[in-house]
Amino acid sequence: MKKAFVFLLWALFLLGTSGNQEVLAEGKPRLVILPFLIEKDPVCPICHTVFRRGEILHGAQLTLTKLLYQKMAQKGIFELLPLEKVEEAFLQKDRVLFEREIRSSSIELGRELGGDFLFLGFLFRFEERVGSSWGAERPASVAFDLHLFRLRDGREVWSGRMDEVQRPLSENLLKFGSFLRRKARWLTAEELASVGMDERLMRLPGPTELEEMR
């Protein structure tokens, strides 16, 4: 009888723990990450920041989209909608009409997918390094920006931007920390974008703060 009672208590404990985990999982806001959009115009259509124009390596927008997805998954503060599902819904939209009203169209799509927040990114430059990691004839150069929208009211609650050509430490001794994060060598464009994205996302508030922003 005693063993049966202990077993019952243990079963109730496991059920309670499982229930709490489900509540926590369900409590995470859902994040929609749209594929990065290539901007031929060097002006961001959302914030009107001007970026330096440059080359964009083929497939760079896919690279950035996957990087952002991986980094947000590692943070674990959102439930991420699968990229395949988002891309499928995105491709069904009329591209001309979508880009004509990019902000409202993106928010509408995010709501259709059942998201709580939406990341919209623009790519302006993605130039590959020419040379090796120890001696570059031309350093990697990357420019992009990110905008995070709260879908219940369409408000932009966070943004981050990168516009960088990798420089040697000798050109700016004040950026020693940045130099170390760049592994004290010449990076590829993808590596530079990854480090830059990490630096911007470090300043991303948590879901509670994002929900309370006015």
N, C-alpha and C. Protein backbone atom coordinates (compact mmCIF):
# COMPACT_ATOMS: atom_id res chain seq x y z
N MET A 1 0.83 -1.21 0.00
CA MET A 1 0.00 0.00 0.00
C MET A 1 0.87 1.26 0.00
N LYS A 2 1.93 1.18 0.83
CA LYS A 2 2.84 2.32 0.92
C LYS A 2 3.53 2.58 -0.40
N LYS A 3 3.96 1.46 -1.06
CA LYS A 3 4.63 1.58 -2.36
C LYS A 3 3.69 2.18 -3.40
N ALA A 4 2.44 1.76 -3.36
CA ALA A 4 1.46 2.28 -4.32
C ALA A 4 1.25 3.77 -4.11
N PHE A 5 1.24 4.20 -2.84
CA PHE A 5 1.06 5.62 -2.52
C PHE A 5 2.24 6.45 -3.02
N VAL A 6 3.47 5.93 -2.81
CA VAL A 6 4.68 6.61 -3.28
C VAL A 6 4.67 6.71 -4.80
N PHE A 7 4.27 5.60 -5.45
CA PHE A 7 4.20 5.59 -6.92
C PHE A 7 3.21 6.64 -7.42
N LEU A 8 2.07 6.76 -6.72
CA LEU A 8 1.06 7.73 -7.11
C LEU A 8 1.58 9.15 -6.98
N LEU A 9 2.29 9.43 -5.89
CA LEU A 9 2.88 10.76 -5.69
C LEU A 9 3.89 11.07 -6.78
N TRP A 10 4.72 10.07 -7.13
CA TRP A 10 5.75 10.26 -8.15
C TRP A 10 5.10 10.52 -9.51
N ALA A 11 4.02 9.79 -9.81
CA ALA A 11 3.32 9.99 -11.08
C ALA A 11 2.71 11.38 -11.16
N LEU A 12 2.12 11.83 -10.03
CA LEU A 12 1.55 13.18 -10.01
C LEU A 12 2.62 14.24 -10.18
N PHE A 13 3.80 14.00 -9.59
CA PHE A 13 4.92 14.94 -9.73
C PHE A 13 5.37 15.05 -11.18
N LEU A 14 5.48 13.89 -11.84
CA LEU A 14 5.89 13.88 -13.24
C LEU A 14 4.87 14.58 -14.12
N LEU A 15 3.59 14.33 -13.83
CA LEU A 15 2.55 14.99 -14.60
C LEU A 15 2.59 16.49 -14.40
N GLY A 16 2.85 16.91 -13.18
CA GLY A 16 2.94 18.35 -12.90
C GLY A 16 4.12 18.98 -13.58
N THR A 17 5.27 18.27 -13.57
CA THR A 17 6.47 18.78 -14.23
C THR A 17 6.25 18.90 -15.73
N SER A 18 5.63 17.82 -16.29
CA SER A 18 5.35 17.84 -17.72
C SER A 18 4.42 18.99 -18.08
N GLY A 19 3.41 19.19 -17.22
CA GLY A 19 2.46 20.28 -17.47
C GLY A 19 3.13 21.62 -17.43
N ASN A 20 4.05 21.81 -16.46
CA ASN A 20 4.78 23.08 -16.37
C ASN A 20 5.62 23.32 -17.59
N GLN A 21 6.27 22.25 -18.10
CA GLN A 21 7.09 22.40 -19.30
C GLN A 21 6.24 22.79 -20.49
N GLU A 22 5.01 22.19 -20.56
CA GLU A 22 4.13 22.54 -21.67
C GLU A 22 3.70 23.98 -21.58
N VAL A 23 3.41 24.45 -20.35
CA VAL A 23 3.01 25.84 -20.17
C VAL A 23 4.13 26.77 -20.59
N LEU A 24 5.39 26.41 -20.18
CA LEU A 24 6.53 27.24 -20.55
C LEU A 24 6.71 27.28 -22.06
N ALA A 25 6.55 26.09 -22.72
CA ALA A 25 6.72 26.04 -24.18
C ALA A 25 5.64 26.87 -24.85
N GLU A 26 4.40 26.70 -24.34
CA GLU A 26 3.30 27.44 -24.94
C GLU A 26 3.42 28.93 -24.65
N GLY A 27 4.15 29.27 -23.58
CA GLY A 27 4.28 30.67 -23.20
C GLY A 27 5.24 31.44 -24.07
N LYS A 28 6.06 30.75 -24.86
CA LYS A 28 7.02 31.45 -25.72
C LYS A 28 6.28 32.10 -26.89
N PRO A 29 6.55 33.38 -27.16
CA PRO A 29 5.94 34.01 -28.33
C PRO A 29 6.49 33.40 -29.62
N ARG A 30 5.66 33.37 -30.62
CA ARG A 30 6.05 32.76 -31.91
C ARG A 30 6.70 33.82 -32.79
N LEU A 31 7.84 33.46 -33.34
CA LEU A 31 8.62 34.39 -34.17
C LEU A 31 8.64 33.93 -35.62
N VAL A 32 8.28 34.85 -36.51
CA VAL A 32 8.35 34.61 -37.95
C VAL A 32 9.60 35.34 -38.47
N ILE A 33 10.47 34.61 -39.14
CA ILE A 33 11.66 35.22 -39.76
C ILE A 33 11.48 35.17 -41.27
N LEU A 34 11.25 36.32 -41.86
CA LEU A 34 11.10 36.38 -43.31
C LEU A 34 12.46 36.27 -43.99
N PRO A 35 12.52 35.73 -45.20
CA PRO A 35 13.78 35.72 -45.93
C PRO A 35 14.30 37.14 -46.12
N PHE A 36 15.62 37.32 -45.99
CA PHE A 36 16.21 38.63 -46.23
C PHE A 36 15.88 39.10 -47.65
N LEU A 37 15.62 40.37 -47.79
CA LEU A 37 15.32 40.96 -49.09
C LEU A 37 16.53 41.75 -49.57
N ILE A 38 16.89 41.58 -50.83
CA ILE A 38 17.99 42.33 -51.41
C ILE A 38 17.49 43.70 -51.85
N GLU A 39 18.17 44.74 -51.38
CA GLU A 39 17.79 46.10 -51.73
C GLU A 39 18.80 46.69 -52.72
N LYS A 40 18.33 46.98 -53.93
CA LYS A 40 19.20 47.64 -54.92
C LYS A 40 19.38 49.11 -54.58
N ASP A 41 18.34 49.69 -54.02
CA ASP A 41 18.42 51.07 -53.53
C ASP A 41 19.15 51.03 -52.20
N PRO A 42 20.18 51.88 -51.99
CA PRO A 42 20.95 51.83 -50.74
C PRO A 42 20.23 52.43 -49.54
N VAL A 43 18.95 52.73 -49.67
CA VAL A 43 18.19 53.32 -48.57
C VAL A 43 17.20 52.29 -48.04
N CYS A 44 17.21 52.06 -46.72
CA CYS A 44 16.28 51.11 -46.11
C CYS A 44 14.85 51.63 -46.26
N PRO A 45 13.93 50.80 -46.75
CA PRO A 45 12.54 51.25 -46.93
C PRO A 45 11.77 51.40 -45.62
N ILE A 46 12.33 50.91 -44.51
CA ILE A 46 11.66 51.02 -43.21
C ILE A 46 12.15 52.23 -42.42
N CYS A 47 13.47 52.32 -42.23
CA CYS A 47 14.01 53.40 -41.38
C CYS A 47 14.70 54.50 -42.17
N HIS A 48 14.87 54.29 -43.48
CA HIS A 48 15.47 55.28 -44.39
C HIS A 48 16.94 55.55 -44.10
N THR A 49 17.60 54.61 -43.41
CA THR A 49 19.05 54.69 -43.23
C THR A 49 19.73 54.47 -44.57
N VAL A 50 20.78 55.22 -44.84
CA VAL A 50 21.51 55.10 -46.10
C VAL A 50 22.73 54.21 -45.89
N PHE A 51 22.88 53.21 -46.74
CA PHE A 51 24.02 52.29 -46.69
C PHE A 51 24.89 52.48 -47.93
N ARG A 52 26.16 52.10 -47.79
CA ARG A 52 27.05 52.17 -48.95
C ARG A 52 26.73 51.02 -49.90
N ARG A 53 26.54 51.34 -51.15
CA ARG A 53 26.22 50.33 -52.16
C ARG A 53 27.42 49.43 -52.42
N GLY A 54 27.18 48.19 -52.78
CA GLY A 54 28.27 47.27 -53.08
C GLY A 54 27.76 45.98 -53.70
N GLU A 55 28.67 45.05 -53.94
CA GLU A 55 28.31 43.76 -54.52
C GLU A 55 27.51 42.93 -53.52
N ILE A 56 26.69 42.02 -54.04
CA ILE A 56 25.98 41.06 -53.20
C ILE A 56 26.24 39.67 -53.77
N LEU A 57 26.98 38.89 -53.05
CA LEU A 57 27.34 37.54 -53.49
C LEU A 57 26.09 36.69 -53.68
N HIS A 58 26.09 35.87 -54.72
CA HIS A 58 24.93 35.02 -55.00
C HIS A 58 24.63 34.12 -53.80
N GLY A 59 23.38 34.08 -53.39
CA GLY A 59 22.96 33.24 -52.28
C GLY A 59 23.16 33.87 -50.91
N ALA A 60 23.62 35.14 -50.89
CA ALA A 60 23.92 35.78 -49.61
C ALA A 60 22.68 35.96 -48.75
N GLN A 61 21.53 36.25 -49.38
CA GLN A 61 20.31 36.46 -48.59
C GLN A 61 19.90 35.18 -47.87
N LEU A 62 20.13 34.03 -48.51
CA LEU A 62 19.82 32.74 -47.88
C LEU A 62 20.78 32.50 -46.71
N THR A 63 22.05 32.85 -46.91
CA THR A 63 23.05 32.71 -45.85
C THR A 63 22.66 33.51 -44.62
N LEU A 64 22.27 34.76 -44.82
CA LEU A 64 21.89 35.62 -43.69
C LEU A 64 20.61 35.12 -43.01
N THR A 65 19.65 34.66 -43.79
CA THR A 65 18.40 34.16 -43.22
C THR A 65 18.67 32.96 -42.31
N LYS A 66 19.51 32.04 -42.78
CA LYS A 66 19.84 30.86 -41.98
C LYS A 66 20.63 31.24 -40.73
N LEU A 67 21.54 32.20 -40.86
CA LEU A 67 22.31 32.66 -39.70
C LEU A 67 21.38 33.22 -38.63
N LEU A 68 20.45 34.06 -39.05
CA LEU A 68 19.52 34.67 -38.10
C LEU A 68 18.66 33.60 -37.43
N TYR A 69 18.19 32.64 -38.20
CA TYR A 69 17.36 31.57 -37.65
C TYR A 69 18.15 30.77 -36.60
N GLN A 70 19.39 30.41 -36.94
CA GLN A 70 20.22 29.63 -36.02
C GLN A 70 20.48 30.39 -34.73
N LYS A 71 20.77 31.67 -34.85
CA LYS A 71 21.10 32.47 -33.66
C LYS A 71 19.88 32.67 -32.77
N MET A 72 18.71 32.86 -33.37
CA MET A 72 17.51 33.03 -32.57
C MET A 72 17.10 31.69 -31.93
N ALA A 73 17.35 30.59 -32.62
CA ALA A 73 17.07 29.27 -32.04
C ALA A 73 17.96 29.04 -30.82
N GLN A 74 19.21 29.45 -30.91
CA GLN A 74 20.15 29.29 -29.79
C GLN A 74 19.74 30.14 -28.59
N LYS A 75 19.17 31.29 -28.84
CA LYS A 75 18.72 32.14 -27.74
C LYS A 75 17.57 31.50 -26.96
N GLY A 76 16.70 30.80 -27.66
CA GLY A 76 15.64 30.05 -27.00
C GLY A 76 14.54 30.89 -26.38
N ILE A 77 14.41 32.14 -26.79
CA ILE A 77 13.39 32.99 -26.18
C ILE A 77 12.11 33.06 -27.00
N PHE A 78 12.16 32.52 -28.21
CA PHE A 78 10.98 32.49 -29.07
C PHE A 78 10.74 31.06 -29.56
N GLU A 79 9.50 30.81 -29.93
CA GLU A 79 9.20 29.61 -30.70
C GLU A 79 9.28 30.01 -32.17
N LEU A 80 10.20 29.42 -32.91
CA LEU A 80 10.44 29.82 -34.29
C LEU A 80 9.58 29.00 -35.25
N LEU A 81 8.89 29.70 -36.14
CA LEU A 81 8.19 29.00 -37.20
C LEU A 81 9.21 28.46 -38.19
N PRO A 82 9.03 27.24 -38.70
CA PRO A 82 10.00 26.66 -39.64
C PRO A 82 10.21 27.56 -40.86
N LEU A 83 11.46 27.70 -41.27
CA LEU A 83 11.77 28.54 -42.42
C LEU A 83 11.04 28.08 -43.68
N GLU A 84 10.90 26.77 -43.83
CA GLU A 84 10.25 26.24 -45.03
C GLU A 84 8.79 26.70 -45.11
N LYS A 85 8.11 26.70 -43.97
CA LYS A 85 6.72 27.13 -43.93
C LYS A 85 6.61 28.62 -44.25
N VAL A 86 7.51 29.42 -43.70
CA VAL A 86 7.49 30.86 -43.94
C VAL A 86 7.80 31.15 -45.41
N GLU A 87 8.80 30.48 -45.94
CA GLU A 87 9.19 30.72 -47.33
C GLU A 87 8.08 30.33 -48.30
N GLU A 88 7.40 29.22 -47.99
CA GLU A 88 6.29 28.78 -48.85
C GLU A 88 5.20 29.84 -48.90
N ALA A 89 4.86 30.39 -47.73
CA ALA A 89 3.82 31.44 -47.67
C ALA A 89 4.30 32.72 -48.35
N PHE A 90 5.59 33.02 -48.19
CA PHE A 90 6.18 34.21 -48.78
C PHE A 90 6.15 34.14 -50.31
N LEU A 91 6.48 32.98 -50.86
CA LEU A 91 6.54 32.82 -52.31
C LEU A 91 5.16 32.88 -52.97
N GLN A 92 4.12 32.67 -52.21
CA GLN A 92 2.76 32.73 -52.76
C GLN A 92 2.27 34.16 -52.92
N LYS A 93 2.99 35.11 -52.34
CA LYS A 93 2.60 36.51 -52.43
C LYS A 93 3.08 37.13 -53.74
N ASP A 94 2.32 38.07 -54.24
CA ASP A 94 2.74 38.83 -55.41
C ASP A 94 3.91 39.72 -55.01
N ARG A 95 5.08 39.47 -55.60
CA ARG A 95 6.30 40.15 -55.15
C ARG A 95 6.23 41.67 -55.34
N VAL A 96 5.67 42.11 -56.47
CA VAL A 96 5.59 43.54 -56.74
C VAL A 96 4.69 44.23 -55.72
N LEU A 97 3.50 43.65 -55.49
CA LEU A 97 2.57 44.22 -54.52
C LEU A 97 3.14 44.15 -53.11
N PHE A 98 3.84 43.06 -52.81
CA PHE A 98 4.41 42.88 -51.48
C PHE A 98 5.44 43.97 -51.18
N GLU A 99 6.33 44.22 -52.13
CA GLU A 99 7.40 45.18 -51.90
C GLU A 99 6.91 46.63 -52.00
N ARG A 100 5.76 46.83 -52.62
CA ARG A 100 5.22 48.19 -52.73
C ARG A 100 4.81 48.70 -51.34
N GLU A 101 4.28 47.80 -50.53
CA GLU A 101 3.89 48.14 -49.16
C GLU A 101 4.57 47.13 -48.23
N ILE A 102 5.89 47.19 -48.20
CA ILE A 102 6.68 46.13 -47.56
C ILE A 102 6.36 45.95 -46.08
N ARG A 103 6.19 47.05 -45.38
CA ARG A 103 5.92 46.94 -43.93
C ARG A 103 4.56 46.31 -43.65
N SER A 104 3.52 46.86 -44.22
CA SER A 104 2.17 46.33 -43.96
C SER A 104 2.01 44.93 -44.53
N SER A 105 2.64 44.65 -45.68
CA SER A 105 2.54 43.31 -46.29
C SER A 105 3.23 42.27 -45.41
N SER A 106 4.38 42.62 -44.85
CA SER A 106 5.12 41.70 -43.98
C SER A 106 4.33 41.40 -42.71
N ILE A 107 3.78 42.45 -42.12
CA ILE A 107 3.00 42.27 -40.89
C ILE A 107 1.77 41.41 -41.16
N GLU A 108 1.12 41.64 -42.28
CA GLU A 108 -0.06 40.84 -42.66
C GLU A 108 0.33 39.37 -42.81
N LEU A 109 1.46 39.11 -43.46
CA LEU A 109 1.92 37.74 -43.66
C LEU A 109 2.24 37.08 -42.32
N GLY A 110 2.91 37.83 -41.43
CA GLY A 110 3.23 37.30 -40.12
C GLY A 110 2.00 36.90 -39.33
N ARG A 111 0.96 37.72 -39.43
CA ARG A 111 -0.30 37.41 -38.74
C ARG A 111 -0.98 36.19 -39.34
N GLU A 112 -0.93 36.08 -40.68
CA GLU A 112 -1.51 34.92 -41.35
C GLU A 112 -0.86 33.62 -40.88
N LEU A 113 0.44 33.71 -40.57
CA LEU A 113 1.19 32.53 -40.13
C LEU A 113 1.02 32.26 -38.63
N GLY A 114 0.30 33.14 -37.95
CA GLY A 114 0.05 32.93 -36.52
C GLY A 114 1.19 33.37 -35.63
N GLY A 115 2.03 34.29 -36.12
CA GLY A 115 3.17 34.74 -35.32
C GLY A 115 2.80 35.83 -34.34
N ASP A 116 3.67 36.02 -33.36
CA ASP A 116 3.54 37.11 -32.39
C ASP A 116 4.52 38.24 -32.70
N PHE A 117 5.69 37.86 -33.25
CA PHE A 117 6.70 38.83 -33.66
C PHE A 117 7.22 38.44 -35.04
N LEU A 118 7.79 39.42 -35.73
CA LEU A 118 8.29 39.17 -37.08
C LEU A 118 9.60 39.91 -37.32
N PHE A 119 10.59 39.18 -37.85
CA PHE A 119 11.86 39.78 -38.24
C PHE A 119 11.83 40.03 -39.75
N LEU A 120 12.13 41.28 -40.13
CA LEU A 120 12.24 41.66 -41.53
C LEU A 120 13.64 42.23 -41.74
N GLY A 121 14.39 41.62 -42.67
CA GLY A 121 15.77 42.05 -42.89
C GLY A 121 16.03 42.45 -44.33
N PHE A 122 16.95 43.40 -44.51
CA PHE A 122 17.33 43.88 -45.84
C PHE A 122 18.84 43.75 -46.00
N LEU A 123 19.25 43.29 -47.17
CA LEU A 123 20.68 43.12 -47.47
C LEU A 123 21.10 44.14 -48.51
N PHE A 124 22.14 44.88 -48.19
CA PHE A 124 22.62 45.95 -49.08
C PHE A 124 23.99 45.65 -49.68
N ARG A 125 24.80 44.87 -48.97
CA ARG A 125 26.16 44.59 -49.47
C ARG A 125 26.66 43.29 -48.85
N PHE A 126 27.31 42.47 -49.67
CA PHE A 126 27.89 41.22 -49.17
C PHE A 126 29.06 40.87 -50.09
N GLU A 127 30.21 41.50 -49.82
CA GLU A 127 31.38 41.35 -50.67
C GLU A 127 32.37 40.39 -50.02
N GLU A 128 32.77 39.40 -50.78
CA GLU A 128 33.67 38.38 -50.25
C GLU A 128 35.11 38.88 -50.13
N ARG A 129 35.80 38.33 -49.16
CA ARG A 129 37.23 38.61 -48.97
C ARG A 129 38.02 38.09 -50.17
N VAL A 130 39.00 38.85 -50.60
CA VAL A 130 39.93 38.39 -51.63
C VAL A 130 41.28 38.20 -50.94
N GLY A 131 41.74 36.96 -50.90
CA GLY A 131 42.97 36.65 -50.20
C GLY A 131 42.71 35.59 -49.13
N SER A 132 43.64 35.47 -48.20
CA SER A 132 43.54 34.45 -47.16
C SER A 132 43.18 35.07 -45.81
N SER A 133 43.03 34.23 -44.82
CA SER A 133 42.71 34.72 -43.48
C SER A 133 43.86 35.51 -42.86
N TRP A 134 45.05 35.35 -43.41
CA TRP A 134 46.22 36.04 -42.84
C TRP A 134 46.70 37.19 -43.70
N GLY A 135 46.18 37.30 -44.90
CA GLY A 135 46.58 38.40 -45.76
C GLY A 135 45.55 38.64 -46.86
N ALA A 136 44.69 39.63 -46.65
CA ALA A 136 43.62 39.89 -47.61
C ALA A 136 43.98 41.05 -48.53
N GLU A 137 43.82 40.82 -49.83
CA GLU A 137 43.98 41.91 -50.79
C GLU A 137 42.78 42.85 -50.71
N ARG A 138 41.61 42.25 -50.46
CA ARG A 138 40.40 43.03 -50.24
C ARG A 138 39.62 42.39 -49.11
N PRO A 139 39.32 43.14 -48.03
CA PRO A 139 38.61 42.54 -46.91
C PRO A 139 37.13 42.34 -47.21
N ALA A 140 36.52 41.47 -46.45
CA ALA A 140 35.08 41.25 -46.56
C ALA A 140 34.32 42.52 -46.16
N SER A 141 33.15 42.68 -46.74
CA SER A 141 32.36 43.89 -46.48
C SER A 141 30.88 43.50 -46.49
N VAL A 142 30.17 43.88 -45.42
CA VAL A 142 28.78 43.46 -45.26
C VAL A 142 27.93 44.62 -44.77
N ALA A 143 26.74 44.75 -45.34
CA ALA A 143 25.78 45.76 -44.86
C ALA A 143 24.37 45.16 -44.89
N PHE A 144 23.71 45.18 -43.73
CA PHE A 144 22.33 44.71 -43.65
C PHE A 144 21.65 45.42 -42.48
N ASP A 145 20.34 45.38 -42.45
CA ASP A 145 19.64 45.82 -41.26
C ASP A 145 18.47 44.90 -40.96
N LEU A 146 18.06 44.93 -39.69
CA LEU A 146 17.00 44.06 -39.19
C LEU A 146 15.95 44.90 -38.47
N HIS A 147 14.70 44.51 -38.65
CA HIS A 147 13.60 45.20 -37.98
C HIS A 147 12.68 44.15 -37.36
N LEU A 148 12.40 44.32 -36.07
CA LEU A 148 11.53 43.38 -35.36
C LEU A 148 10.20 44.06 -35.07
N PHE A 149 9.12 43.43 -35.53
CA PHE A 149 7.78 43.98 -35.35
C PHE A 149 6.96 43.12 -34.39
N ARG A 150 6.19 43.78 -33.54
CA ARG A 150 5.22 43.11 -32.69
C ARG A 150 3.91 43.06 -33.47
N LEU A 151 3.42 41.87 -33.72
CA LEU A 151 2.34 41.72 -34.69
C LEU A 151 0.96 42.09 -34.15
N ARG A 152 0.77 42.08 -32.85
CA ARG A 152 -0.56 42.41 -32.33
C ARG A 152 -0.95 43.85 -32.61
N ASP A 153 0.07 44.74 -32.71
CA ASP A 153 -0.24 46.15 -33.01
C ASP A 153 0.59 46.72 -34.15
N GLY A 154 1.47 45.88 -34.76
CA GLY A 154 2.28 46.32 -35.89
C GLY A 154 3.40 47.27 -35.53
N ARG A 155 3.72 47.38 -34.25
CA ARG A 155 4.74 48.32 -33.81
C ARG A 155 6.15 47.74 -34.00
N GLU A 156 7.08 48.58 -34.47
CA GLU A 156 8.48 48.16 -34.52
C GLU A 156 9.07 48.32 -33.13
N VAL A 157 9.59 47.22 -32.56
CA VAL A 157 10.06 47.24 -31.18
C VAL A 157 11.57 47.11 -31.05
N TRP A 158 12.26 46.83 -32.16
CA TRP A 158 13.73 46.73 -32.10
C TRP A 158 14.27 46.79 -33.53
N SER A 159 15.47 47.31 -33.65
CA SER A 159 16.15 47.28 -34.95
C SER A 159 17.65 47.20 -34.72
N GLY A 160 18.35 46.65 -35.68
CA GLY A 160 19.80 46.57 -35.62
C GLY A 160 20.35 46.66 -37.02
N ARG A 161 21.49 47.32 -37.17
CA ARG A 161 22.06 47.45 -38.51
C ARG A 161 23.57 47.26 -38.49
N MET A 162 24.09 46.77 -39.60
CA MET A 162 25.52 46.56 -39.76
C MET A 162 25.94 47.12 -41.11
N ASP A 163 27.00 47.90 -41.11
CA ASP A 163 27.57 48.44 -42.35
C ASP A 163 29.07 48.51 -42.12
N GLU A 164 29.76 47.44 -42.49
CA GLU A 164 31.16 47.31 -42.09
C GLU A 164 32.05 46.71 -43.17
N VAL A 165 33.21 47.30 -43.30
CA VAL A 165 34.31 46.72 -44.05
C VAL A 165 35.35 46.35 -43.00
N GLN A 166 35.78 45.10 -42.96
CA GLN A 166 36.72 44.71 -41.91
C GLN A 166 38.01 45.52 -42.01
N ARG A 167 38.45 46.02 -40.86
CA ARG A 167 39.67 46.83 -40.80
C ARG A 167 40.70 46.18 -39.89
N PRO A 168 41.98 46.40 -40.14
CA PRO A 168 43.00 45.90 -39.22
C PRO A 168 42.98 46.68 -37.92
N LEU A 169 43.48 46.06 -36.85
CA LEU A 169 43.49 46.70 -35.54
C LEU A 169 44.28 48.01 -35.56
N SER A 170 45.31 48.08 -36.37
CA SER A 170 46.16 49.28 -36.41
C SER A 170 45.41 50.53 -36.81
N GLU A 171 44.25 50.35 -37.50
CA GLU A 171 43.48 51.51 -37.94
C GLU A 171 42.56 52.05 -36.86
N ASN A 172 42.29 51.23 -35.84
CA ASN A 172 41.42 51.70 -34.75
C ASN A 172 41.71 50.89 -33.48
N LEU A 173 42.63 51.40 -32.68
CA LEU A 173 43.04 50.70 -31.46
C LEU A 173 41.93 50.67 -30.41
N LEU A 174 40.90 51.51 -30.56
CA LEU A 174 39.81 51.53 -29.60
C LEU A 174 38.87 50.33 -29.76
N LYS A 175 39.00 49.62 -30.88
CA LYS A 175 38.10 48.49 -31.14
C LYS A 175 38.81 47.16 -30.90
N PHE A 176 39.54 47.06 -29.79
CA PHE A 176 40.29 45.84 -29.50
C PHE A 176 39.35 44.66 -29.27
N GLY A 177 38.23 44.90 -28.54
CA GLY A 177 37.27 43.82 -28.29
C GLY A 177 36.68 43.31 -29.58
N SER A 178 36.36 44.22 -30.47
CA SER A 178 35.82 43.83 -31.77
C SER A 178 36.86 43.04 -32.56
N PHE A 179 38.11 43.44 -32.45
CA PHE A 179 39.19 42.76 -33.15
C PHE A 179 39.30 41.30 -32.69
N LEU A 180 39.16 41.08 -31.37
CA LEU A 180 39.24 39.73 -30.83
C LEU A 180 38.04 38.89 -31.26
N ARG A 181 36.85 39.51 -31.28
CA ARG A 181 35.66 38.77 -31.71
C ARG A 181 35.78 38.35 -33.17
N ARG A 182 36.57 39.09 -33.92
CA ARG A 182 36.81 38.74 -35.31
C ARG A 182 38.01 37.81 -35.46
N LYS A 183 38.40 37.19 -34.35
CA LYS A 183 39.42 36.12 -34.32
C LYS A 183 40.80 36.60 -34.75
N ALA A 184 41.02 37.92 -34.71
CA ALA A 184 42.33 38.50 -35.01
C ALA A 184 42.85 38.04 -36.38
N ARG A 185 41.94 37.90 -37.33
CA ARG A 185 42.33 37.52 -38.68
C ARG A 185 41.31 38.07 -39.67
N TRP A 186 41.61 37.90 -40.95
CA TRP A 186 40.69 38.38 -41.98
C TRP A 186 39.58 37.35 -42.19
N LEU A 187 38.34 37.78 -42.02
CA LEU A 187 37.19 36.89 -42.09
C LEU A 187 36.60 36.82 -43.49
N THR A 188 35.87 35.74 -43.74
CA THR A 188 35.05 35.68 -44.95
C THR A 188 33.83 36.56 -44.72
N ALA A 189 33.08 36.81 -45.77
CA ALA A 189 31.88 37.64 -45.64
C ALA A 189 30.87 36.99 -44.70
N GLU A 190 30.72 35.68 -44.78
CA GLU A 190 29.77 34.99 -43.90
C GLU A 190 30.22 35.09 -42.44
N GLU A 191 31.52 34.92 -42.19
CA GLU A 191 32.03 35.03 -40.82
C GLU A 191 31.85 36.44 -40.27
N LEU A 192 32.11 37.44 -41.11
CA LEU A 192 31.94 38.83 -40.68
C LEU A 192 30.47 39.11 -40.38
N ALA A 193 29.58 38.63 -41.22
CA ALA A 193 28.15 38.82 -41.00
C ALA A 193 27.70 38.12 -39.72
N SER A 194 28.23 36.94 -39.46
CA SER A 194 27.86 36.19 -38.27
C SER A 194 28.28 36.92 -36.99
N VAL A 195 29.53 37.41 -36.96
CA VAL A 195 30.01 38.14 -35.79
C VAL A 195 29.20 39.42 -35.61
N GLY A 196 28.96 40.14 -36.71
CA GLY A 196 28.20 41.37 -36.63
C GLY A 196 26.78 41.15 -36.16
N MET A 197 26.17 40.06 -36.61
CA MET A 197 24.81 39.74 -36.19
C MET A 197 24.78 39.41 -34.69
N ASP A 198 25.77 38.66 -34.23
CA ASP A 198 25.87 38.36 -32.79
C ASP A 198 25.92 39.64 -31.97
N GLU A 199 26.74 40.58 -32.40
CA GLU A 199 26.91 41.84 -31.67
C GLU A 199 25.60 42.62 -31.60
N ARG A 200 24.83 42.62 -32.67
CA ARG A 200 23.56 43.34 -32.66
C ARG A 200 22.52 42.63 -31.80
N LEU A 201 22.44 41.30 -31.91
CA LEU A 201 21.44 40.55 -31.18
C LEU A 201 21.70 40.50 -29.68
N MET A 202 22.92 40.82 -29.27
CA MET A 202 23.21 40.91 -27.84
C MET A 202 22.34 41.99 -27.18
N ARG A 203 21.94 42.97 -27.96
CA ARG A 203 21.14 44.09 -27.43
C ARG A 203 19.63 43.86 -27.60
N LEU A 204 19.26 42.68 -28.05
CA LEU A 204 17.84 42.39 -28.24
C LEU A 204 17.16 42.13 -26.90
N PRO A 205 16.11 42.90 -26.55
CA PRO A 205 15.41 42.66 -25.27
C PRO A 205 14.70 41.31 -25.27
N GLY A 206 14.31 40.87 -24.07
CA GLY A 206 13.55 39.63 -23.95
C GLY A 206 12.10 39.84 -24.32
N PRO A 207 11.33 38.75 -24.46
CA PRO A 207 9.92 38.85 -24.87
C PRO A 207 9.07 39.73 -23.96
N THR A 208 9.31 39.66 -22.64
CA THR A 208 8.51 40.47 -21.72
C THR A 208 8.71 41.96 -22.00
N GLU A 209 9.97 42.37 -22.15
CA GLU A 209 10.26 43.78 -22.44
C GLU A 209 9.66 44.19 -23.79
N LEU A 210 9.75 43.28 -24.77
CA LEU A 210 9.21 43.59 -26.10
C LEU A 210 7.69 43.75 -26.06
N GLU A 211 7.04 42.94 -25.21
CA GLU A 211 5.58 43.04 -25.09
C GLU A 211 5.16 44.33 -24.41
N GLU A 212 6.00 44.82 -23.50
CA GLU A 212 5.62 46.00 -22.71
C GLU A 212 5.99 47.32 -23.37
N MET A 213 6.81 47.27 -24.44
CA MET A 213 7.22 48.51 -25.10
C MET A 213 6.02 49.26 -25.66
N ARG A 214 6.08 50.58 -25.53
CA ARG A 214 4.97 51.42 -26.04
C ARG A 214 5.46 52.35 -27.13
